Amino acid sequence: MTTSHAPTTQDLAHLAFCALVALRTAMQDGVVTSPLTEHLFLIRWLATAQKQKRFTRRLAVDIQLLLDKGRQQGEKARLKKDLIFLWSSFTGDKTTHSDLYRLAQAIRQLNTQGWENILLGPPNSEPEQQADSVVGPMFYVAKQALTNAFTELGVLIAPISFQIVGDAQAFVATLAEWHINTQVMTISPNKAQVTLVIRSDSIIP
């Protein structure tokens, strides 16, 4: 479960950078020559990093999630793609992208941290009873509200609320890394409503 000690984007980028450099070196040395050997190399590298505690404790959950994904999905896990995403999340200029793009990338980053996301259908389909028994981390939002909140160019034109089950501070911190403004209403120790609010420079004249 994600905690308030969740890793920063810089932590994740450092992990990804080290893994990608090691992979590149292995490719140059002829150790990695195919998608299968690439996958096996990354699994071994992550397992060694975990065993030797090479990185901050804040990354322990993320390393385990990558290992679990790799072991369960095999080559289809595409671990290299995840690592490239984590690296680019830190090095790229996020403010040049649309609101919708940055939200999508923030959600992907949350997924790599163990968060589950659910898109709701009709208004009466909110999983309130399900949420009562879930400890998280998960978040859900109405699909229609999500569609209506953005223009075709991905500009946020209306506030939109996410229901959170889990550590709302960790959720908000990840959105903030992608320059997404939010307002938080705490419902209970493990539940909150996080609303995306419009930035002044996002409004279309």
N, C-alpha and C. Protein backbone atom coordinates (compact mmCIF):
# COMPACT_ATOMS: atom_id res chain seq x y z
N MET A 1 0.83 -1.19 0.00
CA MET A 1 0.00 0.00 0.00
C MET A 1 0.87 1.24 0.00
N THR A 2 0.51 2.24 -0.82
CA THR A 2 1.27 3.47 -0.88
C THR A 2 1.15 4.23 0.42
N THR A 3 2.22 4.76 0.93
CA THR A 3 2.22 5.49 2.18
C THR A 3 2.71 6.90 1.95
N SER A 4 2.73 7.70 3.03
CA SER A 4 3.21 9.07 2.93
C SER A 4 4.70 9.11 2.65
N HIS A 5 5.36 7.95 2.74
CA HIS A 5 6.79 7.87 2.45
C HIS A 5 7.01 7.40 1.01
N ALA A 6 6.05 7.70 0.14
CA ALA A 6 6.16 7.30 -1.26
C ALA A 6 7.36 7.98 -1.90
N PRO A 7 7.96 7.30 -2.89
CA PRO A 7 9.15 7.87 -3.52
C PRO A 7 8.81 9.10 -4.35
N THR A 8 9.78 9.99 -4.50
CA THR A 8 9.60 11.15 -5.36
C THR A 8 9.89 10.74 -6.80
N THR A 9 9.54 11.62 -7.73
CA THR A 9 9.85 11.36 -9.14
C THR A 9 11.34 11.22 -9.33
N GLN A 10 12.12 12.00 -8.57
CA GLN A 10 13.58 11.92 -8.69
C GLN A 10 14.09 10.56 -8.23
N ASP A 11 13.51 10.02 -7.15
CA ASP A 11 13.89 8.68 -6.68
C ASP A 11 13.66 7.65 -7.79
N LEU A 12 12.46 7.70 -8.38
CA LEU A 12 12.10 6.75 -9.41
C LEU A 12 12.97 6.91 -10.65
N ALA A 13 13.27 8.17 -10.99
CA ALA A 13 14.13 8.42 -12.16
C ALA A 13 15.53 7.88 -11.94
N HIS A 14 16.03 8.00 -10.71
CA HIS A 14 17.37 7.48 -10.40
C HIS A 14 17.40 5.96 -10.55
N LEU A 15 16.38 5.30 -10.05
CA LEU A 15 16.27 3.84 -10.20
C LEU A 15 16.25 3.47 -11.68
N ALA A 16 15.40 4.16 -12.44
CA ALA A 16 15.26 3.86 -13.86
C ALA A 16 16.57 4.11 -14.61
N PHE A 17 17.23 5.22 -14.30
CA PHE A 17 18.49 5.56 -14.97
C PHE A 17 19.53 4.46 -14.75
N CYS A 18 19.68 4.03 -13.51
CA CYS A 18 20.66 2.98 -13.19
C CYS A 18 20.34 1.68 -13.92
N ALA A 19 19.06 1.32 -13.95
CA ALA A 19 18.65 0.09 -14.63
C ALA A 19 18.90 0.18 -16.13
N LEU A 20 18.58 1.32 -16.73
CA LEU A 20 18.74 1.47 -18.17
C LEU A 20 20.21 1.52 -18.58
N VAL A 21 21.05 2.14 -17.74
CA VAL A 21 22.49 2.16 -18.02
C VAL A 21 23.05 0.75 -17.95
N ALA A 22 22.63 0.00 -16.92
CA ALA A 22 23.09 -1.39 -16.79
C ALA A 22 22.65 -2.22 -17.98
N LEU A 23 21.40 -2.00 -18.42
CA LEU A 23 20.89 -2.73 -19.58
C LEU A 23 21.67 -2.38 -20.84
N ARG A 24 21.94 -1.10 -21.03
CA ARG A 24 22.70 -0.67 -22.21
C ARG A 24 24.10 -1.29 -22.23
N THR A 25 24.73 -1.33 -21.07
CA THR A 25 26.06 -1.93 -20.97
C THR A 25 26.01 -3.42 -21.31
N ALA A 26 24.97 -4.09 -20.80
CA ALA A 26 24.81 -5.52 -21.08
C ALA A 26 24.59 -5.78 -22.56
N MET A 27 23.88 -4.87 -23.22
CA MET A 27 23.65 -5.01 -24.66
C MET A 27 24.96 -4.83 -25.43
N GLN A 28 25.75 -3.85 -25.01
CA GLN A 28 27.03 -3.61 -25.68
C GLN A 28 28.00 -4.76 -25.48
N ASP A 29 27.88 -5.43 -24.32
CA ASP A 29 28.77 -6.56 -24.02
C ASP A 29 28.28 -7.87 -24.63
N GLY A 30 27.12 -7.83 -25.28
CA GLY A 30 26.59 -9.02 -25.90
C GLY A 30 25.86 -9.95 -24.94
N VAL A 31 25.61 -9.48 -23.72
CA VAL A 31 24.88 -10.30 -22.74
C VAL A 31 23.39 -10.30 -23.06
N VAL A 32 22.88 -9.16 -23.49
CA VAL A 32 21.47 -9.04 -23.86
C VAL A 32 21.38 -8.96 -25.38
N THR A 33 20.73 -9.94 -25.98
CA THR A 33 20.67 -10.01 -27.45
C THR A 33 19.26 -10.21 -27.99
N SER A 34 18.27 -10.29 -27.11
CA SER A 34 16.90 -10.54 -27.55
C SER A 34 15.93 -10.01 -26.49
N PRO A 35 14.63 -9.90 -26.83
CA PRO A 35 13.64 -9.47 -25.84
C PRO A 35 13.63 -10.36 -24.59
N LEU A 36 13.84 -11.67 -24.79
CA LEU A 36 13.84 -12.58 -23.65
C LEU A 36 15.03 -12.32 -22.73
N THR A 37 16.23 -12.20 -23.31
CA THR A 37 17.41 -11.96 -22.46
C THR A 37 17.34 -10.57 -21.82
N GLU A 38 16.71 -9.61 -22.51
CA GLU A 38 16.50 -8.28 -21.91
C GLU A 38 15.61 -8.40 -20.68
N HIS A 39 14.52 -9.15 -20.82
CA HIS A 39 13.59 -9.33 -19.70
C HIS A 39 14.27 -10.02 -18.53
N LEU A 40 14.99 -11.10 -18.81
CA LEU A 40 15.66 -11.84 -17.75
C LEU A 40 16.73 -10.99 -17.06
N PHE A 41 17.43 -10.18 -17.85
CA PHE A 41 18.46 -9.31 -17.27
C PHE A 41 17.83 -8.31 -16.29
N LEU A 42 16.73 -7.68 -16.70
CA LEU A 42 16.10 -6.68 -15.83
C LEU A 42 15.54 -7.32 -14.56
N ILE A 43 14.99 -8.52 -14.68
CA ILE A 43 14.50 -9.22 -13.49
C ILE A 43 15.64 -9.49 -12.53
N ARG A 44 16.76 -9.99 -13.05
CA ARG A 44 17.92 -10.27 -12.19
C ARG A 44 18.46 -8.97 -11.59
N TRP A 45 18.52 -7.93 -12.39
CA TRP A 45 19.06 -6.65 -11.91
C TRP A 45 18.20 -6.09 -10.78
N LEU A 46 16.89 -6.11 -10.96
CA LEU A 46 15.98 -5.61 -9.92
C LEU A 46 16.05 -6.47 -8.66
N ALA A 47 16.13 -7.79 -8.84
CA ALA A 47 16.22 -8.68 -7.69
C ALA A 47 17.51 -8.44 -6.91
N THR A 48 18.60 -8.21 -7.63
CA THR A 48 19.88 -7.93 -6.97
C THR A 48 19.84 -6.59 -6.24
N ALA A 49 19.24 -5.59 -6.90
CA ALA A 49 19.12 -4.27 -6.27
C ALA A 49 18.29 -4.35 -5.00
N GLN A 50 17.24 -5.17 -5.04
CA GLN A 50 16.40 -5.35 -3.86
C GLN A 50 17.16 -6.06 -2.75
N LYS A 51 17.86 -7.13 -3.09
CA LYS A 51 18.58 -7.92 -2.09
C LYS A 51 19.71 -7.13 -1.45
N GLN A 52 20.41 -6.34 -2.25
CA GLN A 52 21.55 -5.58 -1.75
C GLN A 52 21.16 -4.20 -1.21
N LYS A 53 19.87 -3.88 -1.30
CA LYS A 53 19.35 -2.60 -0.80
C LYS A 53 20.14 -1.42 -1.36
N ARG A 54 20.24 -1.40 -2.68
CA ARG A 54 21.03 -0.36 -3.35
C ARG A 54 20.36 1.01 -3.33
N PHE A 55 19.04 1.03 -3.15
CA PHE A 55 18.30 2.29 -3.27
C PHE A 55 17.56 2.62 -1.98
N THR A 56 17.08 3.85 -1.90
CA THR A 56 16.35 4.31 -0.73
C THR A 56 15.17 3.39 -0.42
N ARG A 57 14.84 3.30 0.85
CA ARG A 57 13.72 2.45 1.28
C ARG A 57 12.41 2.89 0.65
N ARG A 58 12.35 4.17 0.23
CA ARG A 58 11.12 4.66 -0.39
C ARG A 58 10.81 3.92 -1.69
N LEU A 59 11.83 3.29 -2.28
CA LEU A 59 11.64 2.58 -3.55
C LEU A 59 11.35 1.09 -3.38
N ALA A 60 11.32 0.62 -2.15
CA ALA A 60 11.15 -0.82 -1.91
C ALA A 60 9.88 -1.36 -2.56
N VAL A 61 8.77 -0.65 -2.38
CA VAL A 61 7.50 -1.10 -2.94
C VAL A 61 7.54 -1.08 -4.46
N ASP A 62 8.12 -0.04 -5.03
CA ASP A 62 8.17 0.10 -6.49
C ASP A 62 9.02 -1.00 -7.13
N ILE A 63 10.14 -1.31 -6.50
CA ILE A 63 10.99 -2.40 -7.01
C ILE A 63 10.24 -3.72 -6.95
N GLN A 64 9.52 -3.96 -5.85
CA GLN A 64 8.76 -5.19 -5.71
C GLN A 64 7.65 -5.28 -6.76
N LEU A 65 6.99 -4.14 -7.02
CA LEU A 65 5.92 -4.13 -8.02
C LEU A 65 6.46 -4.45 -9.41
N LEU A 66 7.62 -3.89 -9.74
CA LEU A 66 8.24 -4.19 -11.04
C LEU A 66 8.62 -5.67 -11.13
N LEU A 67 9.16 -6.20 -10.04
CA LEU A 67 9.52 -7.62 -10.02
C LEU A 67 8.28 -8.51 -10.17
N ASP A 68 7.23 -8.18 -9.43
CA ASP A 68 6.00 -8.97 -9.51
C ASP A 68 5.43 -8.94 -10.92
N LYS A 69 5.40 -7.75 -11.51
CA LYS A 69 4.88 -7.62 -12.87
C LYS A 69 5.71 -8.44 -13.85
N GLY A 70 7.03 -8.35 -13.72
CA GLY A 70 7.91 -9.08 -14.62
C GLY A 70 7.79 -10.58 -14.48
N ARG A 71 7.68 -11.05 -13.26
CA ARG A 71 7.59 -12.49 -13.02
C ARG A 71 6.24 -13.05 -13.43
N GLN A 72 5.19 -12.26 -13.30
CA GLN A 72 3.85 -12.74 -13.63
C GLN A 72 3.56 -12.66 -15.13
N GLN A 73 4.06 -11.62 -15.78
CA GLN A 73 3.71 -11.39 -17.18
C GLN A 73 4.80 -11.81 -18.16
N GLY A 74 5.98 -12.10 -17.66
CA GLY A 74 7.07 -12.49 -18.55
C GLY A 74 7.48 -11.34 -19.46
N GLU A 75 7.82 -11.67 -20.71
CA GLU A 75 8.26 -10.64 -21.66
C GLU A 75 7.19 -9.58 -21.89
N LYS A 76 5.92 -9.97 -21.76
CA LYS A 76 4.82 -9.03 -22.00
C LYS A 76 4.80 -7.88 -21.00
N ALA A 77 5.53 -8.01 -19.91
CA ALA A 77 5.57 -6.95 -18.90
C ALA A 77 6.22 -5.68 -19.45
N ARG A 78 7.13 -5.84 -20.40
CA ARG A 78 7.79 -4.70 -21.04
C ARG A 78 8.39 -3.76 -19.99
N LEU A 79 9.23 -4.33 -19.16
CA LEU A 79 9.83 -3.57 -18.06
C LEU A 79 10.67 -2.40 -18.56
N LYS A 80 11.34 -2.59 -19.68
CA LYS A 80 12.16 -1.50 -20.22
C LYS A 80 11.30 -0.28 -20.52
N LYS A 81 10.11 -0.49 -21.05
CA LYS A 81 9.20 0.62 -21.36
C LYS A 81 8.81 1.35 -20.09
N ASP A 82 8.54 0.60 -19.02
CA ASP A 82 8.19 1.23 -17.73
C ASP A 82 9.35 2.06 -17.21
N LEU A 83 10.55 1.54 -17.34
CA LEU A 83 11.73 2.26 -16.85
C LEU A 83 11.98 3.53 -17.65
N ILE A 84 11.79 3.45 -18.96
CA ILE A 84 11.94 4.65 -19.80
C ILE A 84 10.92 5.70 -19.41
N PHE A 85 9.70 5.26 -19.12
CA PHE A 85 8.66 6.20 -18.69
C PHE A 85 9.06 6.88 -17.38
N LEU A 86 9.55 6.11 -16.42
CA LEU A 86 9.95 6.68 -15.14
C LEU A 86 11.07 7.70 -15.31
N TRP A 87 12.01 7.40 -16.18
CA TRP A 87 13.12 8.33 -16.43
C TRP A 87 12.62 9.61 -17.11
N SER A 88 11.78 9.46 -18.13
CA SER A 88 11.29 10.63 -18.85
C SER A 88 10.37 11.48 -17.99
N SER A 89 9.73 10.86 -16.99
CA SER A 89 8.86 11.62 -16.09
C SER A 89 9.63 12.69 -15.34
N PHE A 90 10.91 12.42 -15.09
CA PHE A 90 11.73 13.38 -14.35
C PHE A 90 12.44 14.35 -15.28
N THR A 91 12.88 13.88 -16.43
CA THR A 91 13.71 14.71 -17.30
C THR A 91 12.91 15.60 -18.24
N GLY A 92 11.66 15.22 -18.54
CA GLY A 92 10.87 16.00 -19.49
C GLY A 92 10.26 17.25 -18.87
N ASP A 93 9.92 18.22 -19.71
CA ASP A 93 9.24 19.44 -19.26
C ASP A 93 7.74 19.19 -19.29
N LYS A 94 7.17 18.88 -18.14
CA LYS A 94 5.77 18.48 -18.07
C LYS A 94 4.82 19.62 -18.43
N THR A 95 5.22 20.86 -18.16
CA THR A 95 4.31 21.99 -18.36
C THR A 95 4.00 22.24 -19.83
N THR A 96 4.76 21.66 -20.74
CA THR A 96 4.51 21.89 -22.17
C THR A 96 3.40 20.99 -22.70
N HIS A 97 2.96 20.03 -21.91
CA HIS A 97 1.93 19.09 -22.35
C HIS A 97 0.54 19.54 -21.88
N SER A 98 -0.48 19.00 -22.52
CA SER A 98 -1.86 19.35 -22.17
C SER A 98 -2.24 18.81 -20.80
N ASP A 99 -3.32 19.35 -20.25
CA ASP A 99 -3.81 18.90 -18.94
C ASP A 99 -4.15 17.41 -18.98
N LEU A 100 -4.81 16.98 -20.05
CA LEU A 100 -5.23 15.58 -20.14
C LEU A 100 -4.03 14.65 -20.25
N TYR A 101 -3.02 15.06 -21.01
CA TYR A 101 -1.81 14.24 -21.14
C TYR A 101 -1.14 14.09 -19.78
N ARG A 102 -1.01 15.20 -19.06
CA ARG A 102 -0.34 15.15 -17.76
C ARG A 102 -1.13 14.31 -16.76
N LEU A 103 -2.46 14.38 -16.83
CA LEU A 103 -3.27 13.54 -15.95
C LEU A 103 -3.07 12.07 -16.30
N ALA A 104 -3.05 11.75 -17.59
CA ALA A 104 -2.85 10.35 -18.00
C ALA A 104 -1.50 9.83 -17.53
N GLN A 105 -0.46 10.66 -17.62
CA GLN A 105 0.86 10.22 -17.18
C GLN A 105 0.92 10.09 -15.66
N ALA A 106 0.23 10.99 -14.95
CA ALA A 106 0.19 10.89 -13.48
C ALA A 106 -0.50 9.60 -13.06
N ILE A 107 -1.58 9.25 -13.75
CA ILE A 107 -2.30 8.01 -13.44
C ILE A 107 -1.41 6.81 -13.72
N ARG A 108 -0.68 6.87 -14.81
CA ARG A 108 0.24 5.75 -15.12
C ARG A 108 1.30 5.63 -14.03
N GLN A 109 1.80 6.76 -13.55
CA GLN A 109 2.80 6.72 -12.48
C GLN A 109 2.19 6.14 -11.22
N LEU A 110 0.95 6.51 -10.90
CA LEU A 110 0.27 5.95 -9.73
C LEU A 110 0.10 4.44 -9.89
N ASN A 111 -0.22 3.99 -11.10
CA ASN A 111 -0.35 2.56 -11.34
C ASN A 111 0.94 1.82 -11.05
N THR A 112 2.08 2.42 -11.42
CA THR A 112 3.37 1.78 -11.15
C THR A 112 3.66 1.72 -9.66
N GLN A 113 2.97 2.57 -8.88
CA GLN A 113 3.15 2.59 -7.44
C GLN A 113 2.13 1.70 -6.72
N GLY A 114 1.32 0.97 -7.49
CA GLY A 114 0.39 0.03 -6.89
C GLY A 114 -1.04 0.51 -6.78
N TRP A 115 -1.35 1.69 -7.30
CA TRP A 115 -2.72 2.19 -7.26
C TRP A 115 -3.55 1.54 -8.36
N GLU A 116 -4.81 1.25 -8.03
CA GLU A 116 -5.76 0.74 -9.02
C GLU A 116 -6.72 1.87 -9.37
N ASN A 117 -7.06 2.02 -10.64
CA ASN A 117 -8.01 3.05 -11.03
C ASN A 117 -9.22 2.44 -11.71
N ILE A 118 -10.39 3.01 -11.45
CA ILE A 118 -11.65 2.49 -11.98
C ILE A 118 -12.42 3.62 -12.64
N LEU A 119 -12.90 3.39 -13.87
CA LEU A 119 -13.78 4.33 -14.56
C LEU A 119 -15.21 3.87 -14.37
N LEU A 120 -16.06 4.74 -13.85
CA LEU A 120 -17.45 4.39 -13.58
C LEU A 120 -18.33 4.69 -14.78
N GLY A 121 -19.38 3.87 -14.94
CA GLY A 121 -20.34 4.08 -16.02
C GLY A 121 -21.45 5.02 -15.58
N PRO A 122 -22.71 4.54 -15.57
CA PRO A 122 -23.84 5.37 -15.16
C PRO A 122 -23.67 5.88 -13.73
N PRO A 123 -24.37 6.98 -13.38
CA PRO A 123 -24.24 7.57 -12.04
C PRO A 123 -24.50 6.60 -10.90
N ASN A 124 -25.39 5.64 -11.10
CA ASN A 124 -25.75 4.72 -10.02
C ASN A 124 -24.77 3.57 -9.86
N SER A 125 -23.69 3.59 -10.63
CA SER A 125 -22.76 2.46 -10.58
C SER A 125 -21.58 2.69 -9.65
N GLU A 126 -21.59 3.76 -8.87
CA GLU A 126 -20.47 4.03 -7.96
C GLU A 126 -20.31 2.87 -6.98
N PRO A 127 -19.12 2.33 -6.86
CA PRO A 127 -18.88 1.15 -6.01
C PRO A 127 -18.75 1.51 -4.53
N GLU A 128 -19.78 2.18 -3.98
CA GLU A 128 -19.70 2.61 -2.59
C GLU A 128 -19.53 1.43 -1.64
N GLN A 129 -20.36 0.38 -1.86
CA GLN A 129 -20.27 -0.78 -0.97
C GLN A 129 -18.93 -1.47 -1.12
N GLN A 130 -18.45 -1.54 -2.35
CA GLN A 130 -17.15 -2.15 -2.59
C GLN A 130 -16.06 -1.35 -1.89
N ALA A 131 -16.14 -0.01 -1.99
CA ALA A 131 -15.11 0.85 -1.40
C ALA A 131 -15.05 0.70 0.11
N ASP A 132 -16.20 0.39 0.73
CA ASP A 132 -16.23 0.25 2.18
C ASP A 132 -15.33 -0.89 2.65
N SER A 133 -15.15 -1.90 1.81
CA SER A 133 -14.36 -3.06 2.22
C SER A 133 -12.95 -3.05 1.63
N VAL A 134 -12.62 -1.99 0.89
CA VAL A 134 -11.32 -1.90 0.24
C VAL A 134 -10.40 -0.99 1.04
N VAL A 135 -9.17 -1.44 1.27
CA VAL A 135 -8.21 -0.63 2.01
C VAL A 135 -7.35 0.19 1.06
N GLY A 136 -7.44 -0.09 -0.21
CA GLY A 136 -6.70 0.67 -1.22
C GLY A 136 -5.31 0.09 -1.46
N PRO A 137 -4.51 0.82 -2.20
CA PRO A 137 -4.85 2.12 -2.75
C PRO A 137 -5.62 2.01 -4.07
N MET A 138 -6.69 2.79 -4.21
CA MET A 138 -7.46 2.82 -5.44
C MET A 138 -8.13 4.18 -5.57
N PHE A 139 -8.52 4.52 -6.79
CA PHE A 139 -9.28 5.74 -7.01
C PHE A 139 -10.24 5.51 -8.16
N TYR A 140 -11.38 6.21 -8.12
CA TYR A 140 -12.34 6.05 -9.20
C TYR A 140 -12.98 7.38 -9.56
N VAL A 141 -13.43 7.45 -10.81
CA VAL A 141 -13.99 8.68 -11.35
C VAL A 141 -15.04 8.31 -12.39
N ALA A 142 -16.08 9.15 -12.52
CA ALA A 142 -17.12 8.91 -13.51
C ALA A 142 -16.58 9.14 -14.92
N LYS A 143 -16.76 8.17 -15.79
CA LYS A 143 -16.23 8.25 -17.16
C LYS A 143 -16.80 9.46 -17.90
N GLN A 144 -18.11 9.70 -17.76
CA GLN A 144 -18.74 10.81 -18.47
C GLN A 144 -18.22 12.15 -17.97
N ALA A 145 -18.03 12.26 -16.65
CA ALA A 145 -17.50 13.50 -16.08
C ALA A 145 -16.08 13.75 -16.58
N LEU A 146 -15.31 12.68 -16.70
CA LEU A 146 -13.94 12.80 -17.19
C LEU A 146 -13.94 13.29 -18.64
N THR A 147 -14.85 12.75 -19.45
CA THR A 147 -14.94 13.16 -20.85
C THR A 147 -15.36 14.62 -20.98
N ASN A 148 -16.34 15.02 -20.17
CA ASN A 148 -16.88 16.38 -20.26
C ASN A 148 -15.91 17.44 -19.72
N ALA A 149 -14.96 17.03 -18.91
CA ALA A 149 -14.08 17.99 -18.24
C ALA A 149 -12.97 18.52 -19.15
N PHE A 150 -12.75 17.87 -20.29
CA PHE A 150 -11.64 18.25 -21.16
C PHE A 150 -12.12 18.59 -22.58
N THR A 151 -11.42 19.52 -23.21
CA THR A 151 -11.69 19.83 -24.61
C THR A 151 -11.01 18.79 -25.49
N GLU A 152 -11.24 18.90 -26.80
CA GLU A 152 -10.60 17.97 -27.73
C GLU A 152 -9.08 18.14 -27.72
N LEU A 153 -8.60 19.31 -27.28
CA LEU A 153 -7.17 19.56 -27.21
C LEU A 153 -6.58 19.16 -25.86
N GLY A 154 -7.42 18.58 -24.99
CA GLY A 154 -6.92 18.12 -23.70
C GLY A 154 -6.82 19.18 -22.64
N VAL A 155 -7.54 20.29 -22.81
CA VAL A 155 -7.53 21.37 -21.82
C VAL A 155 -8.63 21.14 -20.80
N LEU A 156 -8.30 21.24 -19.52
CA LEU A 156 -9.29 21.08 -18.45
C LEU A 156 -10.18 22.31 -18.41
N ILE A 157 -11.50 22.13 -18.58
CA ILE A 157 -12.42 23.26 -18.60
C ILE A 157 -13.46 23.19 -17.49
N ALA A 158 -13.42 22.12 -16.70
CA ALA A 158 -14.37 21.98 -15.58
C ALA A 158 -13.72 21.15 -14.49
N PRO A 159 -13.98 21.48 -13.23
CA PRO A 159 -13.42 20.68 -12.13
C PRO A 159 -13.93 19.24 -12.23
N ILE A 160 -13.12 18.30 -11.81
CA ILE A 160 -13.51 16.89 -11.83
C ILE A 160 -13.00 16.22 -10.56
N SER A 161 -13.85 15.40 -9.95
CA SER A 161 -13.52 14.82 -8.65
C SER A 161 -13.20 13.33 -8.75
N PHE A 162 -12.16 12.94 -8.05
CA PHE A 162 -11.77 11.54 -7.90
C PHE A 162 -12.06 11.10 -6.47
N GLN A 163 -12.64 9.92 -6.31
CA GLN A 163 -12.84 9.35 -4.99
C GLN A 163 -11.62 8.48 -4.67
N ILE A 164 -11.01 8.73 -3.53
CA ILE A 164 -9.76 8.07 -3.18
C ILE A 164 -9.95 7.12 -2.01
N VAL A 165 -9.41 5.92 -2.14
CA VAL A 165 -9.33 4.98 -1.02
C VAL A 165 -7.84 4.67 -0.84
N GLY A 166 -7.25 5.21 0.21
CA GLY A 166 -5.81 5.07 0.41
C GLY A 166 -5.21 6.37 0.90
N ASP A 167 -3.94 6.55 0.66
CA ASP A 167 -3.21 7.72 1.14
C ASP A 167 -3.42 8.89 0.17
N ALA A 168 -4.33 9.79 0.52
CA ALA A 168 -4.65 10.92 -0.36
C ALA A 168 -3.45 11.83 -0.56
N GLN A 169 -2.61 11.98 0.47
CA GLN A 169 -1.44 12.85 0.34
C GLN A 169 -0.49 12.32 -0.72
N ALA A 170 -0.29 11.01 -0.76
CA ALA A 170 0.57 10.42 -1.77
C ALA A 170 -0.03 10.60 -3.16
N PHE A 171 -1.35 10.46 -3.25
CA PHE A 171 -2.06 10.64 -4.52
C PHE A 171 -1.87 12.07 -5.03
N VAL A 172 -2.11 13.03 -4.15
CA VAL A 172 -2.00 14.45 -4.52
C VAL A 172 -0.56 14.81 -4.86
N ALA A 173 0.40 14.24 -4.14
CA ALA A 173 1.81 14.54 -4.39
C ALA A 173 2.21 14.12 -5.81
N THR A 174 1.70 12.97 -6.25
CA THR A 174 2.01 12.52 -7.61
C THR A 174 1.40 13.45 -8.65
N LEU A 175 0.15 13.88 -8.42
CA LEU A 175 -0.48 14.83 -9.35
C LEU A 175 0.29 16.14 -9.38
N ALA A 176 0.76 16.58 -8.22
CA ALA A 176 1.51 17.84 -8.15
C ALA A 176 2.80 17.77 -8.96
N GLU A 177 3.42 16.59 -8.98
CA GLU A 177 4.64 16.42 -9.78
C GLU A 177 4.37 16.66 -11.26
N TRP A 178 3.12 16.47 -11.66
CA TRP A 178 2.73 16.69 -13.05
C TRP A 178 2.01 18.03 -13.21
N HIS A 179 2.20 18.92 -12.23
CA HIS A 179 1.66 20.28 -12.28
C HIS A 179 0.14 20.28 -12.42
N ILE A 180 -0.51 19.41 -11.66
CA ILE A 180 -1.96 19.34 -11.63
C ILE A 180 -2.43 19.90 -10.29
N ASN A 181 -3.25 20.94 -10.33
CA ASN A 181 -3.75 21.57 -9.11
C ASN A 181 -4.95 20.81 -8.57
N THR A 182 -5.00 20.66 -7.26
CA THR A 182 -6.08 19.89 -6.64
C THR A 182 -6.60 20.55 -5.38
N GLN A 183 -7.80 20.14 -4.99
CA GLN A 183 -8.38 20.46 -3.69
C GLN A 183 -8.79 19.14 -3.05
N VAL A 184 -8.53 19.00 -1.76
CA VAL A 184 -8.78 17.73 -1.08
C VAL A 184 -9.84 17.90 0.00
N MET A 185 -10.81 17.00 0.01
CA MET A 185 -11.80 16.95 1.07
C MET A 185 -11.71 15.58 1.73
N THR A 186 -11.27 15.55 2.97
CA THR A 186 -11.12 14.28 3.69
C THR A 186 -12.48 13.77 4.13
N ILE A 187 -12.75 12.50 3.83
CA ILE A 187 -14.01 11.87 4.20
C ILE A 187 -13.84 11.01 5.44
N SER A 188 -12.74 10.27 5.49
CA SER A 188 -12.40 9.43 6.63
C SER A 188 -10.88 9.24 6.58
N PRO A 189 -10.29 8.60 7.60
CA PRO A 189 -8.83 8.41 7.57
C PRO A 189 -8.31 7.75 6.31
N ASN A 190 -9.13 6.92 5.66
CA ASN A 190 -8.66 6.18 4.49
C ASN A 190 -9.39 6.58 3.20
N LYS A 191 -10.22 7.64 3.29
CA LYS A 191 -10.98 8.05 2.10
C LYS A 191 -10.96 9.56 1.95
N ALA A 192 -10.96 9.99 0.70
CA ALA A 192 -10.98 11.43 0.43
C ALA A 192 -11.53 11.67 -0.96
N GLN A 193 -11.94 12.90 -1.18
CA GLN A 193 -12.32 13.34 -2.52
C GLN A 193 -11.31 14.36 -3.00
N VAL A 194 -10.67 14.07 -4.11
CA VAL A 194 -9.66 14.97 -4.67
C VAL A 194 -10.21 15.56 -5.96
N THR A 195 -10.32 16.88 -6.00
CA THR A 195 -10.87 17.56 -7.16
C THR A 195 -9.78 18.27 -7.95
N LEU A 196 -9.74 18.00 -9.24
CA LEU A 196 -8.82 18.71 -10.12
C LEU A 196 -9.40 20.08 -10.42
N VAL A 197 -8.62 21.12 -10.22
CA VAL A 197 -9.11 22.48 -10.44
C VAL A 197 -8.39 23.11 -11.63
N ILE A 198 -9.05 24.04 -12.26
CA ILE A 198 -8.54 24.65 -13.47
C ILE A 198 -7.42 25.64 -13.15
N ARG A 199 -6.33 25.52 -13.88
CA ARG A 199 -5.24 26.49 -13.76
C ARG A 199 -5.61 27.73 -14.57
N SER A 200 -5.17 28.88 -14.12
CA SER A 200 -5.51 30.13 -14.80
C SER A 200 -5.01 30.15 -16.24
N ASP A 201 -3.88 29.47 -16.49
CA ASP A 201 -3.33 29.49 -17.85
C ASP A 201 -3.89 28.37 -18.73
N SER A 202 -4.90 27.63 -18.18
CA SER A 202 -5.50 26.56 -18.98
C SER A 202 -6.81 27.00 -19.62
N ILE A 203 -7.32 28.15 -19.21
CA ILE A 203 -8.62 28.59 -19.70
C ILE A 203 -8.47 29.12 -21.13
N ILE A 204 -9.35 28.66 -21.99
CA ILE A 204 -9.31 29.10 -23.38
C ILE A 204 -9.94 30.47 -23.50
N PRO A 205 -9.29 31.47 -24.11
CA PRO A 205 -9.85 32.81 -24.24
C PRO A 205 -11.06 32.83 -25.15
